[in-house]
Amino acid sequence: MADETLFLLLHSEMVAGLYRAAEQGEGENGRCTTKLESMGFRVGQGLIERFTKDTARFKDELDIMKFICKDFWTTVFKKQIDNLRTNHQGIYVLQDNKFRLLTQMSAGKQYLEHAPKFLAFTCGLIRGGLSNLGIKSIVTAEVSSMPACKFQVMIQKM
């Protein structure tokens, strides 16, 4: 419980600190999102390395995505992804109906425009984890109603 609270506070302060610095002229908002995403990427790489050291090899891409949705997500956010969809052509949609990093914000529409900055770190987290498992990807996030969100993972064929 305490570690979850610390993670939520740390994440909130990272976002606030980067955007506060941007407002004071030390950078622009686009760079803040990129910085958060790259921080998440590095953390995702490290976590996946640690979580998979005693795991058997994955059979295919779908197996890896199931691991991300169940084990990885459970370890980081204390719950599984609510829904995983795929078109079997390299596009996966991970849906979390009560995303932990958005539950602290009001469910009203007025905060919808601020949601993307709270999702950048997690996009990097997913991309970093997949990268360390040998999958190059592009991860985007979308919020239509708080605190639910969807992460779209597009696998880049090498």
C-alpha atoms as a PDB file:
ATOM      1  CA  MET A   1       0.000   0.000   0.000  1.00  0.00           C
ATOM      2  CA  ALA A   2       2.756   2.442   0.955  1.00  0.00           C
ATOM      3  CA  ASP A   3       4.802   1.693  -2.157  1.00  0.00           C
ATOM      4  CA  GLU A   4       1.758   2.349  -4.355  1.00  0.00           C
ATOM      5  CA  THR A   5       1.174   5.714  -2.709  1.00  0.00           C
ATOM      6  CA  LEU A   6       4.835   6.634  -3.111  1.00  0.00           C
ATOM      7  CA  PHE A   7       4.715   5.705  -6.800  1.00  0.00           C
ATOM      8  CA  LEU A   8       1.579   7.804  -7.355  1.00  0.00           C
ATOM      9  CA  LEU A   9       3.111  10.801  -5.558  1.00  0.00           C
ATOM     10  CA  LEU A  10       6.435  10.456  -7.376  1.00  0.00           C
ATOM     11  CA  HIS A  11       4.686  10.263 -10.741  1.00  0.00           C
ATOM     12  CA  SER A  12       2.520  13.263  -9.927  1.00  0.00           C
ATOM     13  CA  GLU A  13       5.567  15.308  -8.885  1.00  0.00           C
ATOM     14  CA  MET A  14       7.534  14.281 -11.999  1.00  0.00           C
ATOM     15  CA  VAL A  15       4.724  15.524 -14.220  1.00  0.00           C
ATOM     16  CA  ALA A  16       4.188  18.709 -12.212  1.00  0.00           C
ATOM     17  CA  GLY A  17       7.916  19.457 -11.997  1.00  0.00           C
ATOM     18  CA  LEU A  18       8.553  19.052 -15.717  1.00  0.00           C
ATOM     19  CA  TYR A  19       5.567  21.159 -16.718  1.00  0.00           C
ATOM     20  CA  ARG A  20       6.352  23.796 -14.092  1.00  0.00           C
ATOM     21  CA  ALA A  21       9.881  24.090 -15.522  1.00  0.00           C
ATOM     22  CA  ALA A  22       8.399  24.435 -19.012  1.00  0.00           C
ATOM     23  CA  GLU A  23       6.134  27.267 -17.862  1.00  0.00           C
ATOM     24  CA  GLN A  24       9.142  29.084 -16.435  1.00  0.00           C
ATOM     25  CA  GLY A  25      10.802  29.037 -19.841  1.00  0.00           C
ATOM     26  CA  GLU A  26      13.158  26.075 -19.410  1.00  0.00           C
ATOM     27  CA  GLY A  27      11.488  24.026 -22.147  1.00  0.00           C
ATOM     28  CA  GLU A  28       8.274  23.557 -24.044  1.00  0.00           C
ATOM     29  CA  ASN A  29       5.355  21.208 -23.341  1.00  0.00           C
ATOM     30  CA  GLY A  30       6.179  18.835 -26.204  1.00  0.00           C
ATOM     31  CA  ARG A  31       9.609  18.260 -24.733  1.00  0.00           C
ATOM     32  CA  CYS A  32       8.048  17.531 -21.338  1.00  0.00           C
ATOM     33  CA  THR A  33       5.954  14.738 -22.813  1.00  0.00           C
ATOM     34  CA  THR A  34       9.013  13.349 -24.604  1.00  0.00           C
ATOM     35  CA  LYS A  35      11.039  13.508 -21.386  1.00  0.00           C
ATOM     36  CA  LEU A  36       8.339  11.692 -19.413  1.00  0.00           C
ATOM     37  CA  GLU A  37       8.044   9.070 -22.142  1.00  0.00           C
ATOM     38  CA  SER A  38      11.805   8.470 -22.199  1.00  0.00           C
ATOM     39  CA  MET A  39      11.883   8.188 -18.387  1.00  0.00           C
ATOM     40  CA  GLY A  40       9.141   5.566 -18.628  1.00  0.00           C
ATOM     41  CA  PHE A  41      11.026   3.783 -21.404  1.00  0.00           C
ATOM     42  CA  ARG A  42      14.111   3.355 -19.217  1.00  0.00           C
ATOM     43  CA  VAL A  43      12.061   2.233 -16.203  1.00  0.00           C
ATOM     44  CA  GLY A  44      10.126  -0.232 -18.400  1.00  0.00           C
ATOM     45  CA  GLN A  45      13.370  -1.742 -19.673  1.00  0.00           C
ATOM     46  CA  GLY A  46      14.662  -2.253 -16.151  1.00  0.00           C
ATOM     47  CA  LEU A  47      11.422  -3.648 -14.766  1.00  0.00           C
ATOM     48  CA  ILE A  48      10.876  -6.126 -17.576  1.00  0.00           C
ATOM     49  CA  GLU A  49      14.441  -7.360 -17.222  1.00  0.00           C
ATOM     50  CA  ARG A  50      13.829  -7.994 -13.543  1.00  0.00           C
ATOM     51  CA  PHE A  51      10.374  -9.564 -13.976  1.00  0.00           C
ATOM     52  CA  THR A  52      11.336 -11.969 -16.778  1.00  0.00           C
ATOM     53  CA  LYS A  53      14.637 -13.305 -15.472  1.00  0.00           C
ATOM     54  CA  ASP A  54      12.991 -16.501 -14.180  1.00  0.00           C
ATOM     55  CA  THR A  55      10.323 -16.797 -16.887  1.00  0.00           C
ATOM     56  CA  ALA A  56      10.284 -19.217 -19.799  1.00  0.00           C
ATOM     57  CA  ARG A  57      10.696 -17.802 -23.307  1.00  0.00           C
ATOM     58  CA  PHE A  58       7.617 -16.354 -24.912  1.00  0.00           C
ATOM     59  CA  LYS A  59       6.184 -18.177 -27.928  1.00  0.00           C
ATOM     60  CA  ASP A  60       5.032 -15.167 -29.887  1.00  0.00           C
ATOM     61  CA  GLU A  61       3.993 -11.530 -29.847  1.00  0.00           C
ATOM     62  CA  LEU A  62       0.562 -12.290 -28.382  1.00  0.00           C
ATOM     63  CA  ASP A  63       2.171 -14.179 -25.495  1.00  0.00           C
ATOM     64  CA  ILE A  64       4.324 -11.142 -24.732  1.00  0.00           C
ATOM     65  CA  MET A  65       1.311  -8.822 -24.806  1.00  0.00           C
ATOM     66  CA  LYS A  66      -0.586 -11.137 -22.440  1.00  0.00           C
ATOM     67  CA  PHE A  67       2.403 -11.022 -20.077  1.00  0.00           C
ATOM     68  CA  ILE A  68       2.378  -7.200 -20.224  1.00  0.00           C
ATOM     69  CA  CYS A  69      -1.375  -7.105 -19.510  1.00  0.00           C
ATOM     70  CA  LYS A  70      -1.359  -9.602 -16.662  1.00  0.00           C
ATOM     71  CA  ASP A  71       1.955  -9.875 -14.831  1.00  0.00           C
ATOM     72  CA  PHE A  72       3.673  -6.597 -15.720  1.00  0.00           C
ATOM     73  CA  TRP A  73       0.568  -4.434 -15.244  1.00  0.00           C
ATOM     74  CA  THR A  74      -0.335  -6.201 -11.995  1.00  0.00           C
ATOM     75  CA  THR A  75       3.124  -5.615 -10.566  1.00  0.00           C
ATOM     76  CA  VAL A  76       3.206  -1.932 -11.519  1.00  0.00           C
ATOM     77  CA  PHE A  77      -0.445  -0.881 -11.086  1.00  0.00           C
ATOM     78  CA  LYS A  78      -1.811  -3.593  -8.731  1.00  0.00           C
ATOM     79  CA  LYS A  79      -4.447  -4.775 -11.223  1.00  0.00           C
ATOM     80  CA  GLN A  80      -4.639  -6.439 -14.623  1.00  0.00           C
ATOM     81  CA  ILE A  81      -5.561  -4.644 -17.824  1.00  0.00           C
ATOM     82  CA  ASP A  82      -9.336  -4.839 -18.212  1.00  0.00           C
ATOM     83  CA  ASN A  83      -9.335  -5.611 -21.919  1.00  0.00           C
ATOM     84  CA  LEU A  84      -6.797  -6.600 -24.585  1.00  0.00           C
ATOM     85  CA  ARG A  85      -7.806  -6.439 -28.225  1.00  0.00           C
ATOM     86  CA  THR A  86      -5.830  -7.141 -31.365  1.00  0.00           C
ATOM     87  CA  ASN A  87      -6.352  -7.179 -35.099  1.00  0.00           C
ATOM     88  CA  HIS A  88      -3.674  -9.914 -35.421  1.00  0.00           C
ATOM     89  CA  GLN A  89      -1.710  -7.569 -37.699  1.00  0.00           C
ATOM     90  CA  GLY A  90       0.500  -5.927 -35.104  1.00  0.00           C
ATOM     91  CA  ILE A  91      -1.937  -3.552 -33.427  1.00  0.00           C
ATOM     92  CA  TYR A  92      -2.993  -4.127 -29.824  1.00  0.00           C
ATOM     93  CA  VAL A  93      -5.325  -2.034 -27.680  1.00  0.00           C
ATOM     94  CA  LEU A  94      -4.949  -2.288 -23.901  1.00  0.00           C
ATOM     95  CA  GLN A  95      -7.901  -0.856 -21.992  1.00  0.00           C
ATOM     96  CA  ASP A  96      -7.822   0.054 -18.322  1.00  0.00           C
ATOM     97  CA  ASN A  97     -11.208   1.225 -17.027  1.00  0.00           C
ATOM     98  CA  LYS A  98      -9.832   2.586 -13.759  1.00  0.00           C
ATOM     99  CA  PHE A  99      -6.285   3.666 -14.500  1.00  0.00           C
ATOM    100  CA  ARG A 100      -4.446   4.357 -11.247  1.00  0.00           C
ATOM    101  CA  LEU A 101      -2.592   7.457 -12.447  1.00  0.00           C
ATOM    102  CA  LEU A 102      -5.859   9.116 -13.480  1.00  0.00           C
ATOM    103  CA  THR A 103      -8.044   8.165 -10.510  1.00  0.00           C
ATOM    104  CA  GLN A 104      -6.571  11.013  -8.446  1.00  0.00           C
ATOM    105  CA  MET A 105      -8.046  13.505 -10.909  1.00  0.00           C
ATOM    106  CA  SER A 106     -11.704  14.436 -11.050  1.00  0.00           C
ATOM    107  CA  ALA A 107     -13.840  12.385 -13.387  1.00  0.00           C
ATOM    108  CA  GLY A 108     -15.240  15.533 -14.979  1.00  0.00           C
ATOM    109  CA  LYS A 109     -14.572  16.604 -18.541  1.00  0.00           C
ATOM    110  CA  GLN A 110     -12.680  19.743 -17.439  1.00  0.00           C
ATOM    111  CA  TYR A 111      -9.509  17.708 -16.730  1.00  0.00           C
ATOM    112  CA  LEU A 112      -9.645  15.656 -19.925  1.00  0.00           C
ATOM    113  CA  GLU A 113      -7.147  17.960 -21.654  1.00  0.00           C
ATOM    114  CA  HIS A 114      -4.580  17.366 -18.856  1.00  0.00           C
ATOM    115  CA  ALA A 115      -4.819  13.569 -19.016  1.00  0.00           C
ATOM    116  CA  PRO A 116      -2.228  12.991 -21.797  1.00  0.00           C
ATOM    117  CA  LYS A 117       0.637  14.353 -19.709  1.00  0.00           C
ATOM    118  CA  PHE A 118      -0.195  11.780 -17.018  1.00  0.00           C
ATOM    119  CA  LEU A 119      -0.084   8.966 -19.587  1.00  0.00           C
ATOM    120  CA  ALA A 120       3.257   9.732 -21.275  1.00  0.00           C
ATOM    121  CA  PHE A 121       5.313   7.923 -18.611  1.00  0.00           C
ATOM    122  CA  THR A 122       3.145   4.796 -18.947  1.00  0.00           C
ATOM    123  CA  CYS A 123       3.437   4.837 -22.750  1.00  0.00           C
ATOM    124  CA  GLY A 124       7.202   4.808 -22.280  1.00  0.00           C
ATOM    125  CA  LEU A 125       6.902   2.066 -19.662  1.00  0.00           C
ATOM    126  CA  ILE A 126       5.087  -0.210 -22.125  1.00  0.00           C
ATOM    127  CA  ARG A 127       7.419   0.663 -25.008  1.00  0.00           C
ATOM    128  CA  GLY A 128      10.524   0.083 -22.865  1.00  0.00           C
ATOM    129  CA  GLY A 129       9.268  -3.272 -21.640  1.00  0.00           C
ATOM    130  CA  LEU A 130       8.444  -4.423 -25.155  1.00  0.00           C
ATOM    131  CA  SER A 131      11.786  -3.135 -26.414  1.00  0.00           C
ATOM    132  CA  ASN A 132      13.655  -5.258 -23.898  1.00  0.00           C
ATOM    133  CA  LEU A 133      11.643  -8.266 -25.048  1.00  0.00           C
ATOM    134  CA  GLY A 134      12.761  -7.645 -28.645  1.00  0.00           C
ATOM    135  CA  ILE A 135       9.672  -5.845 -29.928  1.00  0.00           C
ATOM    136  CA  LYS A 136       9.997  -2.373 -31.413  1.00  0.00           C
ATOM    137  CA  SER A 137       6.732  -0.475 -31.041  1.00  0.00           C
ATOM    138  CA  ILE A 138       4.904   2.836 -30.996  1.00  0.00           C
ATOM    139  CA  VAL A 139       2.626   3.356 -27.993  1.00  0.00           C
ATOM    140  CA  THR A 140      -0.060   6.022 -27.840  1.00  0.00           C
ATOM    141  CA  ALA A 141      -2.706   6.713 -25.210  1.00  0.00           C
ATOM    142  CA  GLU A 142      -6.249   7.999 -25.441  1.00  0.00           C
ATOM    143  CA  VAL A 143      -8.746   9.085 -22.800  1.00  0.00           C
ATOM    144  CA  SER A 144     -12.388   9.565 -23.676  1.00  0.00           C
ATOM    145  CA  SER A 145     -13.785   9.500 -20.137  1.00  0.00           C
ATOM    146  CA  MET A 146     -11.847   9.644 -16.889  1.00  0.00           C
ATOM    147  CA  PRO A 147     -10.337   7.512 -15.355  1.00  0.00           C
ATOM    148  CA  ALA A 148     -10.582   5.001 -18.213  1.00  0.00           C
ATOM    149  CA  CYS A 149      -7.890   4.998 -20.874  1.00  0.00           C
ATOM    150  CA  LYS A 150      -6.705   2.994 -23.864  1.00  0.00           C
ATOM    151  CA  PHE A 151      -3.133   2.350 -24.878  1.00  0.00           C
ATOM    152  CA  GLN A 152      -2.615   1.501 -28.531  1.00  0.00           C
ATOM    153  CA  VAL A 153       0.515  -0.511 -29.290  1.00  0.00           C
ATOM    154  CA  MET A 154       1.632  -0.652 -32.909  1.00  0.00           C
ATOM    155  CA  ILE A 155       4.326  -3.245 -33.472  1.00  0.00           C
ATOM    156  CA  GLN A 156       7.056  -2.137 -35.893  1.00  0.00           C
ATOM    157  CA  LYS A 157       8.122  -5.012 -38.117  1.00  0.00           C
ATOM    158  CA  MET A 158      11.875  -5.239 -38.508  1.00  0.00           C
END
